Amino acid sequence: QVQLVESGGRSVQAGGSLRLSCSVSGLTYNLESVGWFRQGPGKEREFVAAIMWRSAEVDYSNSVKGRFTISTDDDKNTVFLQMNSLKPEDTAVYYCAARHRRLDSGIFYVQSEYDYWGQGTQATVSS
């Protein structure tokens, strides 16, 4: 089992920055990747960013590319999502998700490909 706990969400003004954290614990030795998803008001949950656990390869959705950065600490206990140049449309509950290693390796963009989820943290961007 893997446990994920998000933190760092709060209210900010447009153009500001936030750093979200995802504490990762449990049987992490078999993880393939950790990703961030978000669900805005009245919207479906969507992929934001992901990082491969061993290679540190990353990828982002087009809507956040160039503004958001995903990273881990040296001990791989925490996954960060640095969010800059925030826009009101970035308002959402942000979820951390983890995927076990499988034969089909890579970064995946749909929530059904992930095995574990955190409870989410709310980020609100006002204009």
Foldseek 3Di string as FASTA:
>chain_A
DKAWAKDWADEDAAQAKTKMKIFIDDPCPQWQKKFKWWDAVPGDIWGAKMAGPPPRDMDGDPVQPPFWDWDADPVRRMIMIIGGRDDQVVWTWMKMFIAGDDPDHDDDIDPVRTDDIYPTHTHGYHD
